[in-house]
Amino acid sequence: MPFSSMSDPADLARAYAALEAVWNEVRDTIPEADIEKERTRIAYLVTASVPMALDEDELTQSVLLQYRQSASA
C-alpha cells in the first residue's frame, strides 16, 4: 500500500480519511473489474498530495480533481 512510506500519524490519518472520502465519491462510477486498480490509483494520488494539503478537506478535493482530470484525459 502506498501509505507505508508515511511516518507522521497525522498525515497517515488524513490520507486514510481522504482515500475513503474520494472512494465514496467515485466508487459508483467504477466498473466492477477495475475496482482494485482504481482504488490503488486513488491511494497513490492521495500519497502524492499529502505534503501539499493543509487539511483533510483540501486533500480530498485535490485528489478528486486530479482523479477526474486523469479519467477524462
PDB file of N, CA and C in Angstrom:
ATOM      1  N   MET A   1       0.848  -1.182   0.000  1.00  0.00           N
ATOM      2  CA  MET A   1       0.000   0.000   0.000  1.00  0.00           C
ATOM      3  C   MET A   1       0.890   1.241   0.000  1.00  0.00           C
ATOM      4  N   PRO A   2       0.518   2.222  -0.742  1.00  0.00           N
ATOM      5  CA  PRO A   2       1.354   3.415  -0.858  1.00  0.00           C
ATOM      6  C   PRO A   2       1.520   4.190   0.452  1.00  0.00           C
ATOM      7  N   PHE A   3       0.647   3.984   1.407  1.00  0.00           N
ATOM      8  CA  PHE A   3       0.744   4.747   2.656  1.00  0.00           C
ATOM      9  C   PHE A   3       1.883   4.268   3.551  1.00  0.00           C
ATOM     10  N   SER A   4       2.507   3.163   3.211  1.00  0.00           N
ATOM     11  CA  SER A   4       3.579   2.622   4.049  1.00  0.00           C
ATOM     12  C   SER A   4       4.784   3.557   4.117  1.00  0.00           C
ATOM     13  N   SER A   5       4.896   4.493   3.173  1.00  0.00           N
ATOM     14  CA  SER A   5       6.011   5.432   3.184  1.00  0.00           C
ATOM     15  C   SER A   5       5.797   6.587   4.164  1.00  0.00           C
ATOM     16  N   MET A   6       4.600   6.717   4.702  1.00  0.00           N
ATOM     17  CA  MET A   6       4.298   7.815   5.634  1.00  0.00           C
ATOM     18  C   MET A   6       4.609   7.409   7.062  1.00  0.00           C
ATOM     19  N   SER A   7       5.214   8.333   7.796  1.00  0.00           N
ATOM     20  CA  SER A   7       5.533   8.032   9.192  1.00  0.00           C
ATOM     21  C   SER A   7       4.796   8.934  10.178  1.00  0.00           C
ATOM     22  N   ASP A   8       4.331  10.086   9.735  1.00  0.00           N
ATOM     23  CA  ASP A   8       3.605  11.011  10.610  1.00  0.00           C
ATOM     24  C   ASP A   8       2.175  10.503  10.806  1.00  0.00           C
ATOM     25  N   PRO A   9       1.788  10.223  12.057  1.00  0.00           N
ATOM     26  CA  PRO A   9       0.439   9.705  12.314  1.00  0.00           C
ATOM     27  C   PRO A   9      -0.670  10.639  11.818  1.00  0.00           C
ATOM     28  N   ALA A  10      -0.457  11.937  11.883  1.00  0.00           N
ATOM     29  CA  ALA A  10      -1.471  12.885  11.414  1.00  0.00           C
ATOM     30  C   ALA A  10      -1.628  12.790   9.898  1.00  0.00           C
ATOM     31  N   ASP A  11      -0.517  12.702   9.185  1.00  0.00           N
ATOM     32  CA  ASP A  11      -0.573  12.550   7.729  1.00  0.00           C
ATOM     33  C   ASP A  11      -1.245  11.232   7.346  1.00  0.00           C
ATOM     34  N   LEU A  12      -0.919  10.204   8.063  1.00  0.00           N
ATOM     35  CA  LEU A  12      -1.498   8.896   7.795  1.00  0.00           C
ATOM     36  C   LEU A  12      -3.015   8.914   8.008  1.00  0.00           C
ATOM     37  N   ALA A  13      -3.443   9.528   9.078  1.00  0.00           N
ATOM     38  CA  ALA A  13      -4.883   9.630   9.357  1.00  0.00           C
ATOM     39  C   ALA A  13      -5.592  10.442   8.276  1.00  0.00           C
ATOM     40  N   ARG A  14      -4.990  11.559   7.873  1.00  0.00           N
ATOM     41  CA  ARG A  14      -5.582  12.368   6.804  1.00  0.00           C
ATOM     42  C   ARG A  14      -5.639  11.591   5.495  1.00  0.00           C
ATOM     43  N   ALA A  15      -4.597  10.841   5.218  1.00  0.00           N
ATOM     44  CA  ALA A  15      -4.540  10.071   3.981  1.00  0.00           C
ATOM     45  C   ALA A  15      -5.648   9.017   3.936  1.00  0.00           C
ATOM     46  N   TYR A  16      -5.809   8.277   5.019  1.00  0.00           N
ATOM     47  CA  TYR A  16      -6.857   7.257   5.046  1.00  0.00           C
ATOM     48  C   TYR A  16      -8.246   7.892   4.941  1.00  0.00           C
ATOM     49  N   ALA A  17      -8.447   8.993   5.640  1.00  0.00           N
ATOM     50  CA  ALA A  17      -9.750   9.674   5.586  1.00  0.00           C
ATOM     51  C   ALA A  17     -10.027  10.207   4.187  1.00  0.00           C
ATOM     52  N   ALA A  18      -9.022  10.785   3.548  1.00  0.00           N
ATOM     53  CA  ALA A  18      -9.193  11.308   2.194  1.00  0.00           C
ATOM     54  C   ALA A  18      -9.430  10.170   1.200  1.00  0.00           C
ATOM     55  N   LEU A  19      -8.715   9.076   1.344  1.00  0.00           N
ATOM     56  CA  LEU A  19      -8.922   7.925   0.469  1.00  0.00           C
ATOM     57  C   LEU A  19     -10.374   7.466   0.540  1.00  0.00           C
ATOM     58  N   GLU A  20     -10.897   7.317   1.736  1.00  0.00           N
ATOM     59  CA  GLU A  20     -12.281   6.870   1.897  1.00  0.00           C
ATOM     60  C   GLU A  20     -13.268   7.896   1.341  1.00  0.00           C
ATOM     61  N   ALA A  21     -13.007   9.169   1.564  1.00  0.00           N
ATOM     62  CA  ALA A  21     -13.904  10.216   1.062  1.00  0.00           C
ATOM     63  C   ALA A  21     -13.930  10.234  -0.462  1.00  0.00           C
ATOM     64  N   VAL A  22     -12.764  10.159  -1.072  1.00  0.00           N
ATOM     65  CA  VAL A  22     -12.693  10.148  -2.541  1.00  0.00           C
ATOM     66  C   VAL A  22     -13.344   8.879  -3.074  1.00  0.00           C
ATOM     67  N   TRP A  23     -13.036   7.754  -2.471  1.00  0.00           N
ATOM     68  CA  TRP A  23     -13.595   6.494  -2.928  1.00  0.00           C
ATOM     69  C   TRP A  23     -15.127   6.516  -2.839  1.00  0.00           C
ATOM     70  N   ASN A  24     -15.658   7.021  -1.755  1.00  0.00           N
ATOM     71  CA  ASN A  24     -17.114   7.098  -1.607  1.00  0.00           C
ATOM     72  C   ASN A  24     -17.734   7.990  -2.668  1.00  0.00           C
ATOM     73  N   GLU A  25     -17.002   8.973  -3.117  1.00  0.00           N
ATOM     74  CA  GLU A  25     -17.488   9.892  -4.144  1.00  0.00           C
ATOM     75  C   GLU A  25     -17.497   9.253  -5.538  1.00  0.00           C
ATOM     76  N   VAL A  26     -16.535   8.392  -5.830  1.00  0.00           N
ATOM     77  CA  VAL A  26     -16.386   7.889  -7.204  1.00  0.00           C
ATOM     78  C   VAL A  26     -16.721   6.408  -7.390  1.00  0.00           C
ATOM     79  N   ARG A  27     -16.872   5.663  -6.347  1.00  0.00           N
ATOM     80  CA  ARG A  27     -16.989   4.205  -6.479  1.00  0.00           C
ATOM     81  C   ARG A  27     -18.143   3.749  -7.364  1.00  0.00           C
ATOM     82  N   ASP A  28     -19.230   4.485  -7.392  1.00  0.00           N
ATOM     83  CA  ASP A  28     -20.363   4.075  -8.219  1.00  0.00           C
ATOM     84  C   ASP A  28     -20.101   4.241  -9.710  1.00  0.00           C
ATOM     85  N   THR A  29     -19.045   4.954 -10.045  1.00  0.00           N
ATOM     86  CA  THR A  29     -18.713   5.168 -11.464  1.00  0.00           C
ATOM     87  C   THR A  29     -17.650   4.194 -11.963  1.00  0.00           C
ATOM     88  N   ILE A  30     -17.152   3.339 -11.078  1.00  0.00           N
ATOM     89  CA  ILE A  30     -16.061   2.423 -11.411  1.00  0.00           C
ATOM     90  C   ILE A  30     -16.630   1.062 -11.803  1.00  0.00           C
ATOM     91  N   PRO A  31     -16.254   0.556 -12.960  1.00  0.00           N
ATOM     92  CA  PRO A  31     -16.686  -0.797 -13.343  1.00  0.00           C
ATOM     93  C   PRO A  31     -16.132  -1.828 -12.349  1.00  0.00           C
ATOM     94  N   GLU A  32     -16.891  -2.850 -12.093  1.00  0.00           N
ATOM     95  CA  GLU A  32     -16.515  -3.893 -11.122  1.00  0.00           C
ATOM     96  C   GLU A  32     -15.110  -4.440 -11.390  1.00  0.00           C
ATOM     97  N   ALA A  33     -14.767  -4.635 -12.637  1.00  0.00           N
ATOM     98  CA  ALA A  33     -13.462  -5.207 -12.989  1.00  0.00           C
ATOM     99  C   ALA A  33     -12.294  -4.285 -12.648  1.00  0.00           C
ATOM    100  N   ASP A  34     -12.548  -2.998 -12.481  1.00  0.00           N
ATOM    101  CA  ASP A  34     -11.478  -2.019 -12.243  1.00  0.00           C
ATOM    102  C   ASP A  34     -11.401  -1.518 -10.806  1.00  0.00           C
ATOM    103  N   ILE A  35     -12.208  -2.048  -9.914  1.00  0.00           N
ATOM    104  CA  ILE A  35     -12.291  -1.510  -8.552  1.00  0.00           C
ATOM    105  C   ILE A  35     -10.941  -1.504  -7.844  1.00  0.00           C
ATOM    106  N   GLU A  36     -10.258  -2.619  -7.818  1.00  0.00           N
ATOM    107  CA  GLU A  36      -8.984  -2.700  -7.100  1.00  0.00           C
ATOM    108  C   GLU A  36      -7.948  -1.748  -7.713  1.00  0.00           C
ATOM    109  N   LYS A  37      -7.866  -1.746  -9.021  1.00  0.00           N
ATOM    110  CA  LYS A  37      -6.899  -0.892  -9.725  1.00  0.00           C
ATOM    111  C   LYS A  37      -7.165   0.592  -9.456  1.00  0.00           C
ATOM    112  N   GLU A  38      -8.424   0.996  -9.510  1.00  0.00           N
ATOM    113  CA  GLU A  38      -8.761   2.410  -9.326  1.00  0.00           C
ATOM    114  C   GLU A  38      -8.595   2.848  -7.872  1.00  0.00           C
ATOM    115  N   ARG A  39      -8.919   1.975  -6.935  1.00  0.00           N
ATOM    116  CA  ARG A  39      -8.718   2.325  -5.518  1.00  0.00           C
ATOM    117  C   ARG A  39      -7.224   2.498  -5.229  1.00  0.00           C
ATOM    118  N   THR A  40      -6.410   1.640  -5.815  1.00  0.00           N
ATOM    119  CA  THR A  40      -4.963   1.770  -5.656  1.00  0.00           C
ATOM    120  C   THR A  40      -4.461   3.060  -6.296  1.00  0.00           C
ATOM    121  N   ARG A  41      -4.982   3.380  -7.462  1.00  0.00           N
ATOM    122  CA  ARG A  41      -4.581   4.624  -8.134  1.00  0.00           C
ATOM    123  C   ARG A  41      -4.933   5.840  -7.280  1.00  0.00           C
ATOM    124  N   ILE A  42      -6.109   5.821  -6.680  1.00  0.00           N
ATOM    125  CA  ILE A  42      -6.517   6.918  -5.793  1.00  0.00           C
ATOM    126  C   ILE A  42      -5.591   6.995  -4.588  1.00  0.00           C
ATOM    127  N   ALA A  43      -5.218   5.852  -4.041  1.00  0.00           N
ATOM    128  CA  ALA A  43      -4.305   5.840  -2.894  1.00  0.00           C
ATOM    129  C   ALA A  43      -2.971   6.483  -3.246  1.00  0.00           C
ATOM    130  N   TYR A  44      -2.467   6.221  -4.445  1.00  0.00           N
ATOM    131  CA  TYR A  44      -1.216   6.854  -4.862  1.00  0.00           C
ATOM    132  C   TYR A  44      -1.387   8.358  -5.056  1.00  0.00           C
ATOM    133  N   LEU A  45      -2.518   8.778  -5.583  1.00  0.00           N
ATOM    134  CA  LEU A  45      -2.779  10.219  -5.712  1.00  0.00           C
ATOM    135  C   LEU A  45      -2.829  10.883  -4.337  1.00  0.00           C
ATOM    136  N   VAL A  46      -3.466  10.210  -3.387  1.00  0.00           N
ATOM    137  CA  VAL A  46      -3.529  10.739  -2.017  1.00  0.00           C
ATOM    138  C   VAL A  46      -2.121  10.861  -1.449  1.00  0.00           C
ATOM    139  N   THR A  47      -1.330   9.809  -1.578  1.00  0.00           N
ATOM    140  CA  THR A  47       0.029   9.820  -1.036  1.00  0.00           C
ATOM    141  C   THR A  47       0.853  10.973  -1.602  1.00  0.00           C
ATOM    142  N   ALA A  48       0.733  11.203  -2.894  1.00  0.00           N
ATOM    143  CA  ALA A  48       1.496  12.281  -3.522  1.00  0.00           C
ATOM    144  C   ALA A  48       1.000  13.659  -3.113  1.00  0.00           C
ATOM    145  N   SER A  49      -0.255  13.750  -2.723  1.00  0.00           N
ATOM    146  CA  SER A  49      -0.847  15.059  -2.410  1.00  0.00           C
ATOM    147  C   SER A  49      -0.771  15.449  -0.937  1.00  0.00           C
ATOM    148  N   VAL A  50      -0.516  14.501  -0.067  1.00  0.00           N
ATOM    149  CA  VAL A  50      -0.487  14.780   1.380  1.00  0.00           C
ATOM    150  C   VAL A  50       0.445  15.948   1.744  1.00  0.00           C
ATOM    151  N   PRO A  51       1.676  15.989   1.235  1.00  0.00           N
ATOM    152  CA  PRO A  51       2.580  17.072   1.667  1.00  0.00           C
ATOM    153  C   PRO A  51       2.101  18.477   1.282  1.00  0.00           C
ATOM    154  N   MET A  52       1.244  18.576   0.268  1.00  0.00           N
ATOM    155  CA  MET A  52       0.810  19.887  -0.208  1.00  0.00           C
ATOM    156  C   MET A  52      -0.515  20.344   0.386  1.00  0.00           C
ATOM    157  N   ALA A  53      -1.239  19.456   1.040  1.00  0.00           N
ATOM    158  CA  ALA A  53      -2.568  19.784   1.558  1.00  0.00           C
ATOM    159  C   ALA A  53      -2.482  20.295   2.995  1.00  0.00           C
ATOM    160  N   LEU A  54      -3.295  21.304   3.268  1.00  0.00           N
ATOM    161  CA  LEU A  54      -3.323  21.865   4.612  1.00  0.00           C
ATOM    162  C   LEU A  54      -4.192  21.058   5.569  1.00  0.00           C
ATOM    163  N   ASP A  55      -5.245  20.443   5.027  1.00  0.00           N
ATOM    164  CA  ASP A  55      -6.141  19.653   5.867  1.00  0.00           C
ATOM    165  C   ASP A  55      -6.798  18.553   5.034  1.00  0.00           C
ATOM    166  N   GLU A  56      -7.606  17.748   5.693  1.00  0.00           N
ATOM    167  CA  GLU A  56      -8.245  16.607   5.037  1.00  0.00           C
ATOM    168  C   GLU A  56      -9.168  17.040   3.897  1.00  0.00           C
ATOM    169  N   ASP A  57      -9.909  18.122   4.104  1.00  0.00           N
ATOM    170  CA  ASP A  57     -10.828  18.586   3.059  1.00  0.00           C
ATOM    171  C   ASP A  57     -10.070  19.028   1.806  1.00  0.00           C
ATOM    172  N   GLU A  58      -9.007  19.770   2.002  1.00  0.00           N
ATOM    173  CA  GLU A  58      -8.201  20.209   0.860  1.00  0.00           C
ATOM    174  C   GLU A  58      -7.581  19.007   0.153  1.00  0.00           C
ATOM    175  N   LEU A  59      -7.124  18.045   0.914  1.00  0.00           N
ATOM    176  CA  LEU A  59      -6.539  16.837   0.349  1.00  0.00           C
ATOM    177  C   LEU A  59      -7.579  16.085  -0.483  1.00  0.00           C
ATOM    178  N   THR A  60      -8.766  15.920   0.066  1.00  0.00           N
ATOM    179  CA  THR A  60      -9.839  15.226  -0.637  1.00  0.00           C
ATOM    180  C   THR A  60     -10.188  15.929  -1.938  1.00  0.00           C
ATOM    181  N   GLN A  61     -10.359  17.245  -1.885  1.00  0.00           N
ATOM    182  CA  GLN A  61     -10.720  17.996  -3.085  1.00  0.00           C
ATOM    183  C   GLN A  61      -9.614  17.949  -4.141  1.00  0.00           C
ATOM    184  N   SER A  62      -8.386  18.028  -3.702  1.00  0.00           N
ATOM    185  CA  SER A  62      -7.261  17.968  -4.626  1.00  0.00           C
ATOM    186  C   SER A  62      -7.209  16.624  -5.343  1.00  0.00           C
ATOM    187  N   VAL A  63      -7.380  15.558  -4.601  1.00  0.00           N
ATOM    188  CA  VAL A  63      -7.321  14.224  -5.190  1.00  0.00           C
ATOM    189  C   VAL A  63      -8.522  13.988  -6.112  1.00  0.00           C
ATOM    190  N   LEU A  64      -9.697  14.439  -5.702  1.00  0.00           N
ATOM    191  CA  LEU A  64     -10.868  14.312  -6.579  1.00  0.00           C
ATOM    192  C   LEU A  64     -10.632  15.030  -7.905  1.00  0.00           C
ATOM    193  N   LEU A  65     -10.084  16.213  -7.844  1.00  0.00           N
ATOM    194  CA  LEU A  65      -9.804  16.978  -9.057  1.00  0.00           C
ATOM    195  C   LEU A  65      -8.799  16.236  -9.942  1.00  0.00           C
ATOM    196  N   GLN A  66      -7.713  15.775  -9.347  1.00  0.00           N
ATOM    197  CA  GLN A  66      -6.699  15.037 -10.108  1.00  0.00           C
ATOM    198  C   GLN A  66      -7.280  13.767 -10.723  1.00  0.00           C
ATOM    199  N   TYR A  67      -8.061  13.052  -9.938  1.00  0.00           N
ATOM    200  CA  TYR A  67      -8.631  11.807 -10.416  1.00  0.00           C
ATOM    201  C   TYR A  67      -9.579  12.057 -11.584  1.00  0.00           C
ATOM    202  N   ARG A  68     -10.439  13.010 -11.442  1.00  0.00           N
ATOM    203  CA  ARG A  68     -11.405  13.311 -12.501  1.00  0.00           C
ATOM    204  C   ARG A  68     -10.725  13.841 -13.754  1.00  0.00           C
ATOM    205  N   GLN A  69      -9.683  14.642 -13.585  1.00  0.00           N
ATOM    206  CA  GLN A  69      -8.952  15.142 -14.752  1.00  0.00           C
ATOM    207  C   GLN A  69      -8.249  14.012 -15.479  1.00  0.00           C
ATOM    208  N   SER A  70      -7.671  13.100 -14.735  1.00  0.00           N
ATOM    209  CA  SER A  70      -6.969  11.980 -15.373  1.00  0.00           C
ATOM    210  C   SER A  70      -7.948  11.012 -16.027  1.00  0.00           C
ATOM    211  N   ALA A  71      -9.142  10.892 -15.474  1.00  0.00           N
ATOM    212  CA  ALA A  71     -10.139   9.987 -16.035  1.00  0.00           C
ATOM    213  C   ALA A  71     -10.711  10.552 -17.345  1.00  0.00           C
ATOM    214  N   SER A  72     -10.739  11.864 -17.462  1.00  0.00           N
ATOM    215  CA  SER A  72     -11.317  12.466 -18.661  1.00  0.00           C
ATOM    216  C   SER A  72     -10.273  12.708 -19.749  1.00  0.00           C
ATOM    217  N   ALA A  73      -9.011  12.493 -19.415  1.00  0.00           N
ATOM    218  CA  ALA A  73      -7.937  12.736 -20.395  1.00  0.00           C
ATOM    219  C   ALA A  73      -7.773  11.600 -21.377  1.00  0.00           C
TER     220      ALA A  73
END
